[in-house]
C-alpha cells in the first residue's frame, strides 16, 4: 500500500469520527430543521469522501443517513421509523470507521 494514501485515509477516518460525534450530538439534542439539515450535510460529506478513499460501507451508511434525514425534513417527521434508521446507521457508521481504522493500523505502521 502507498504510505501517502494510507496517511490520507488515517486523516479521513479521524475526521469521520468527529463528524459521527457531531451527528450523534445532533440526534441527542432537541430536533429542529437546522439540526437535521446539519446531519444530512455531514452524511453527504462522508458519503462522498468515504467512496473516494475506498470505504464503500462508510459511504453506504452515510447515504442512508442523508436520505433519512432529508425524509425527516421533507415529511416533518411523518415517518416514525426514519429516526430509528438514522440512529442504527450512525451506530453502524461508527463501527465501520473503527473497524477500518484498526485494519489500516495493522496494514502499515503509523
N, C-alpha and C. Protein backbone atom coordinates (compact mmCIF):
# COMPACT_ATOMS: atom_id res chain seq x y z
N UNK A 1 0.84 -1.19 0.00
CA UNK A 1 0.00 0.00 0.00
C UNK A 1 0.87 1.24 0.00
N UNK A 2 0.35 2.26 -0.57
CA UNK A 2 1.03 3.54 -0.66
C UNK A 2 0.97 4.26 0.68
N UNK A 3 2.13 4.61 1.21
CA UNK A 3 2.22 5.27 2.52
C UNK A 3 1.42 6.58 2.55
N UNK A 4 1.56 7.41 1.50
CA UNK A 4 0.86 8.69 1.47
C UNK A 4 -0.65 8.50 1.44
N UNK A 5 -1.12 7.53 0.68
CA UNK A 5 -2.56 7.25 0.63
C UNK A 5 -3.05 6.78 1.99
N UNK A 6 -2.28 5.95 2.66
CA UNK A 6 -2.68 5.49 3.99
C UNK A 6 -2.73 6.64 4.99
N UNK A 7 -1.82 7.59 4.88
CA UNK A 7 -1.86 8.76 5.74
C UNK A 7 -3.13 9.56 5.50
N UNK A 8 -3.50 9.73 4.24
CA UNK A 8 -4.74 10.42 3.91
C UNK A 8 -5.95 9.67 4.45
N UNK A 9 -5.90 8.36 4.36
CA UNK A 9 -7.00 7.54 4.90
C UNK A 9 -7.10 7.70 6.42
N UNK A 10 -5.98 7.73 7.10
CA UNK A 10 -5.99 7.95 8.56
C UNK A 10 -6.63 9.30 8.89
N UNK A 11 -6.22 10.32 8.16
CA UNK A 11 -6.80 11.64 8.38
C UNK A 11 -8.30 11.63 8.12
N UNK A 12 -8.71 10.97 7.04
CA UNK A 12 -10.14 10.87 6.74
C UNK A 12 -10.89 10.19 7.88
N UNK A 13 -10.35 9.08 8.37
CA UNK A 13 -11.03 8.34 9.43
C UNK A 13 -11.10 9.16 10.72
N UNK A 14 -10.06 9.93 11.02
CA UNK A 14 -10.10 10.83 12.18
C UNK A 14 -11.20 11.88 12.02
N UNK A 15 -11.27 12.46 10.83
CA UNK A 15 -12.31 13.45 10.56
C UNK A 15 -13.69 12.80 10.58
N UNK A 16 -13.79 11.58 10.08
CA UNK A 16 -15.07 10.86 10.07
C UNK A 16 -15.55 10.62 11.50
N UNK A 17 -14.64 10.29 12.40
CA UNK A 17 -15.02 10.12 13.82
C UNK A 17 -15.65 11.40 14.37
N UNK A 18 -15.03 12.54 14.05
CA UNK A 18 -15.55 13.82 14.51
C UNK A 18 -16.93 14.10 13.93
N UNK A 19 -17.11 13.80 12.67
CA UNK A 19 -18.40 14.01 12.03
C UNK A 19 -19.47 13.12 12.66
N UNK A 20 -19.12 11.89 12.98
CA UNK A 20 -20.08 10.98 13.61
C UNK A 20 -20.43 11.49 15.01
N UNK A 21 -19.45 12.01 15.73
CA UNK A 21 -19.75 12.60 17.05
C UNK A 21 -20.74 13.77 16.90
N UNK A 22 -20.49 14.59 15.91
CA UNK A 22 -21.39 15.72 15.67
C UNK A 22 -22.79 15.23 15.27
N UNK A 23 -22.85 14.18 14.48
CA UNK A 23 -24.14 13.59 14.10
C UNK A 23 -24.89 13.12 15.34
N UNK A 24 -24.17 12.41 16.21
CA UNK A 24 -24.81 11.90 17.41
C UNK A 24 -25.28 13.05 18.30
N UNK A 25 -24.50 14.10 18.39
CA UNK A 25 -24.91 15.27 19.17
C UNK A 25 -26.19 15.87 18.59
N UNK A 26 -26.28 15.93 17.26
CA UNK A 26 -27.49 16.45 16.62
C UNK A 26 -28.69 15.57 16.94
N UNK A 27 -28.48 14.27 16.99
CA UNK A 27 -29.57 13.34 17.31
C UNK A 27 -29.97 13.42 18.78
N UNK A 28 -29.00 13.68 19.64
CA UNK A 28 -29.27 13.75 21.08
C UNK A 28 -29.92 15.07 21.48
N UNK A 29 -29.71 16.11 20.69
CA UNK A 29 -30.24 17.43 21.01
C UNK A 29 -31.71 17.51 20.58
N UNK A 30 -32.33 18.60 20.96
CA UNK A 30 -33.71 18.83 20.53
C UNK A 30 -33.73 18.97 19.01
N UNK A 31 -34.66 18.29 18.40
CA UNK A 31 -34.72 18.29 16.93
C UNK A 31 -35.31 19.59 16.40
N UNK A 32 -34.61 20.13 15.43
CA UNK A 32 -35.16 21.22 14.64
C UNK A 32 -34.62 21.04 13.23
N UNK A 33 -35.16 21.79 12.30
CA UNK A 33 -34.76 21.58 10.91
C UNK A 33 -33.28 21.88 10.70
N UNK A 34 -32.73 22.84 11.44
CA UNK A 34 -31.30 23.16 11.29
C UNK A 34 -30.43 21.98 11.70
N UNK A 35 -30.78 21.31 12.81
CA UNK A 35 -30.00 20.15 13.26
C UNK A 35 -30.10 19.00 12.27
N UNK A 36 -31.28 18.78 11.73
CA UNK A 36 -31.45 17.69 10.76
C UNK A 36 -30.75 18.03 9.45
N UNK A 37 -30.80 19.29 9.04
CA UNK A 37 -30.06 19.71 7.85
C UNK A 37 -28.57 19.50 8.03
N UNK A 38 -28.06 19.81 9.22
CA UNK A 38 -26.63 19.62 9.51
C UNK A 38 -26.28 18.14 9.46
N UNK A 39 -27.15 17.31 10.00
CA UNK A 39 -26.96 15.87 9.96
C UNK A 39 -26.86 15.39 8.51
N UNK A 40 -27.77 15.85 7.66
CA UNK A 40 -27.75 15.47 6.24
C UNK A 40 -26.47 15.96 5.56
N UNK A 41 -26.03 17.16 5.91
CA UNK A 41 -24.82 17.73 5.32
C UNK A 41 -23.58 16.89 5.70
N UNK A 42 -23.46 16.55 6.97
CA UNK A 42 -22.33 15.74 7.42
C UNK A 42 -22.35 14.37 6.75
N UNK A 43 -23.52 13.79 6.65
CA UNK A 43 -23.64 12.49 5.98
C UNK A 43 -23.25 12.59 4.52
N UNK A 44 -23.65 13.67 3.88
CA UNK A 44 -23.30 13.88 2.47
C UNK A 44 -21.78 13.95 2.29
N UNK A 45 -21.12 14.65 3.19
CA UNK A 45 -19.66 14.74 3.13
C UNK A 45 -19.02 13.36 3.28
N UNK A 46 -19.49 12.59 4.24
CA UNK A 46 -18.93 11.25 4.46
C UNK A 46 -19.22 10.33 3.29
N UNK A 47 -20.39 10.48 2.71
CA UNK A 47 -20.77 9.65 1.57
C UNK A 47 -19.76 9.81 0.44
N UNK A 48 -19.46 11.05 0.10
CA UNK A 48 -18.52 11.30 -0.99
C UNK A 48 -17.09 10.94 -0.65
N UNK A 49 -16.65 11.38 0.51
CA UNK A 49 -15.26 11.12 0.91
C UNK A 49 -15.01 9.63 1.15
N UNK A 50 -15.95 8.97 1.78
CA UNK A 50 -15.80 7.53 2.04
C UNK A 50 -15.58 6.76 0.75
N UNK A 51 -16.38 7.07 -0.25
CA UNK A 51 -16.23 6.41 -1.54
C UNK A 51 -14.90 6.72 -2.20
N UNK A 52 -14.46 7.97 -2.06
CA UNK A 52 -13.19 8.39 -2.67
C UNK A 52 -11.99 7.65 -2.08
N UNK A 53 -12.08 7.31 -0.80
CA UNK A 53 -10.98 6.61 -0.14
C UNK A 53 -11.14 5.10 -0.15
N UNK A 54 -12.17 4.62 -0.81
CA UNK A 54 -12.37 3.18 -0.93
C UNK A 54 -13.14 2.55 0.22
N UNK A 55 -13.86 3.36 0.98
CA UNK A 55 -14.64 2.84 2.10
C UNK A 55 -16.12 2.80 1.71
N UNK A 56 -16.47 1.77 0.97
CA UNK A 56 -17.84 1.63 0.45
C UNK A 56 -18.88 1.53 1.56
N UNK A 57 -18.57 0.83 2.65
CA UNK A 57 -19.55 0.69 3.73
C UNK A 57 -19.79 2.02 4.43
N UNK A 58 -18.74 2.80 4.62
CA UNK A 58 -18.90 4.12 5.22
C UNK A 58 -19.79 4.97 4.31
N UNK A 59 -19.51 4.94 3.04
CA UNK A 59 -20.30 5.70 2.07
C UNK A 59 -21.76 5.24 2.07
N UNK A 60 -21.98 3.94 2.15
CA UNK A 60 -23.33 3.39 2.14
C UNK A 60 -24.13 3.80 3.37
N UNK A 61 -23.52 3.70 4.54
CA UNK A 61 -24.22 4.10 5.78
C UNK A 61 -24.50 5.60 5.76
N UNK A 62 -23.55 6.38 5.28
CA UNK A 62 -23.75 7.82 5.20
C UNK A 62 -24.88 8.16 4.22
N UNK A 63 -24.98 7.41 3.14
CA UNK A 63 -26.07 7.60 2.18
C UNK A 63 -27.42 7.38 2.85
N UNK A 64 -27.51 6.32 3.65
CA UNK A 64 -28.76 6.04 4.37
C UNK A 64 -29.11 7.19 5.31
N UNK A 65 -28.13 7.67 6.05
CA UNK A 65 -28.37 8.78 6.99
C UNK A 65 -28.84 10.01 6.24
N UNK A 66 -28.18 10.33 5.14
CA UNK A 66 -28.56 11.52 4.37
C UNK A 66 -30.00 11.39 3.86
N UNK A 67 -30.35 10.25 3.29
CA UNK A 67 -31.70 10.04 2.77
C UNK A 67 -32.75 10.15 3.86
N UNK A 68 -32.49 9.50 4.99
CA UNK A 68 -33.46 9.51 6.09
C UNK A 68 -33.59 10.90 6.71
N UNK A 69 -32.49 11.63 6.81
CA UNK A 69 -32.54 12.98 7.35
C UNK A 69 -33.37 13.88 6.43
N UNK A 70 -33.17 13.75 5.14
CA UNK A 70 -33.96 14.53 4.19
C UNK A 70 -35.43 14.14 4.27
N UNK A 71 -35.69 12.86 4.48
CA UNK A 71 -37.07 12.39 4.63
C UNK A 71 -37.71 13.04 5.87
N UNK A 72 -36.96 13.13 6.95
CA UNK A 72 -37.48 13.77 8.17
C UNK A 72 -37.83 15.23 7.92
N UNK A 73 -36.94 15.95 7.24
CA UNK A 73 -37.18 17.36 6.96
C UNK A 73 -38.37 17.53 6.01
N UNK A 74 -38.40 16.75 4.96
CA UNK A 74 -39.46 16.90 3.95
C UNK A 74 -40.83 16.45 4.44
N UNK A 75 -40.86 15.47 5.33
CA UNK A 75 -42.13 14.94 5.82
C UNK A 75 -42.47 15.46 7.21
N UNK A 76 -41.69 16.42 7.69
CA UNK A 76 -41.92 16.96 9.04
C UNK A 76 -42.01 15.87 10.08
N UNK A 77 -41.14 14.87 9.95
CA UNK A 77 -41.12 13.79 10.94
C UNK A 77 -42.25 12.79 10.78
N UNK A 78 -42.88 12.77 9.60
CA UNK A 78 -44.02 11.89 9.38
C UNK A 78 -43.70 10.40 9.39
N UNK A 79 -42.47 10.04 9.20
CA UNK A 79 -42.08 8.63 9.21
C UNK A 79 -41.41 8.33 10.55
N UNK A 80 -42.11 7.67 11.45
CA UNK A 80 -41.54 7.42 12.78
C UNK A 80 -40.32 6.51 12.77
N UNK A 81 -40.15 5.73 11.72
CA UNK A 81 -39.00 4.83 11.66
C UNK A 81 -37.77 5.51 11.09
N UNK A 82 -37.91 6.68 10.51
CA UNK A 82 -36.76 7.36 9.90
C UNK A 82 -35.68 7.64 10.96
N UNK A 83 -36.10 8.13 12.11
CA UNK A 83 -35.12 8.42 13.16
C UNK A 83 -34.45 7.14 13.65
N UNK A 84 -35.20 6.07 13.76
CA UNK A 84 -34.64 4.78 14.17
C UNK A 84 -33.59 4.30 13.16
N UNK A 85 -33.90 4.46 11.88
CA UNK A 85 -32.95 4.05 10.83
C UNK A 85 -31.69 4.92 10.88
N UNK A 86 -31.86 6.21 11.16
CA UNK A 86 -30.71 7.10 11.28
C UNK A 86 -29.84 6.66 12.46
N UNK A 87 -30.46 6.43 13.60
CA UNK A 87 -29.71 6.00 14.80
C UNK A 87 -28.92 4.73 14.51
N UNK A 88 -29.56 3.75 13.88
CA UNK A 88 -28.88 2.49 13.58
C UNK A 88 -27.73 2.71 12.60
N UNK A 89 -27.95 3.55 11.61
CA UNK A 89 -26.89 3.82 10.64
C UNK A 89 -25.72 4.56 11.27
N UNK A 90 -25.99 5.44 12.23
CA UNK A 90 -24.89 6.12 12.94
C UNK A 90 -24.08 5.10 13.73
N UNK A 91 -24.76 4.16 14.39
CA UNK A 91 -24.06 3.09 15.11
C UNK A 91 -23.21 2.27 14.14
N UNK A 92 -23.81 1.90 13.02
CA UNK A 92 -23.09 1.11 12.01
C UNK A 92 -21.91 1.89 11.44
N UNK A 93 -22.11 3.17 11.21
CA UNK A 93 -21.06 4.03 10.68
C UNK A 93 -19.88 4.10 11.65
N UNK A 94 -20.18 4.32 12.92
CA UNK A 94 -19.12 4.39 13.93
C UNK A 94 -18.34 3.07 13.96
N UNK A 95 -19.04 1.96 13.94
CA UNK A 95 -18.38 0.64 13.98
C UNK A 95 -17.51 0.43 12.74
N UNK A 96 -18.01 0.84 11.59
CA UNK A 96 -17.23 0.67 10.36
C UNK A 96 -15.99 1.55 10.34
N UNK A 97 -16.10 2.74 10.87
CA UNK A 97 -14.93 3.64 10.95
C UNK A 97 -13.88 3.01 11.86
N UNK A 98 -14.29 2.50 13.00
CA UNK A 98 -13.34 1.87 13.93
C UNK A 98 -12.73 0.61 13.32
N UNK A 99 -13.54 -0.19 12.65
CA UNK A 99 -13.02 -1.40 12.00
C UNK A 99 -11.99 -1.02 10.93
N UNK A 100 -12.31 -0.02 10.14
CA UNK A 100 -11.41 0.42 9.08
C UNK A 100 -10.11 0.99 9.64
N UNK A 101 -10.22 1.72 10.75
CA UNK A 101 -9.02 2.29 11.38
C UNK A 101 -8.11 1.19 11.91
N UNK A 102 -8.69 0.17 12.55
CA UNK A 102 -7.90 -0.95 13.05
C UNK A 102 -7.23 -1.70 11.90
N UNK A 103 -7.98 -1.92 10.84
CA UNK A 103 -7.44 -2.61 9.68
C UNK A 103 -6.28 -1.82 9.08
N UNK A 104 -6.43 -0.53 8.97
CA UNK A 104 -5.39 0.33 8.43
C UNK A 104 -4.16 0.33 9.35
N UNK A 105 -4.39 0.34 10.65
CA UNK A 105 -3.28 0.35 11.61
C UNK A 105 -2.45 -0.94 11.54
N UNK A 106 -3.11 -2.05 11.28
CA UNK A 106 -2.37 -3.31 11.20
C UNK A 106 -1.73 -3.51 9.84
N UNK A 107 -2.23 -2.79 8.83
CA UNK A 107 -1.68 -2.95 7.48
C UNK A 107 -0.33 -2.26 7.34
N UNK A 108 -0.21 -1.08 7.95
CA UNK A 108 1.03 -0.32 7.84
C UNK A 108 1.30 0.43 9.13
N UNK A 109 2.53 0.67 9.45
CA UNK A 109 2.83 1.46 10.65
C UNK A 109 2.42 2.90 10.46
N UNK A 110 2.05 3.56 11.55
CA UNK A 110 1.63 4.98 11.50
C UNK A 110 2.81 5.88 11.22
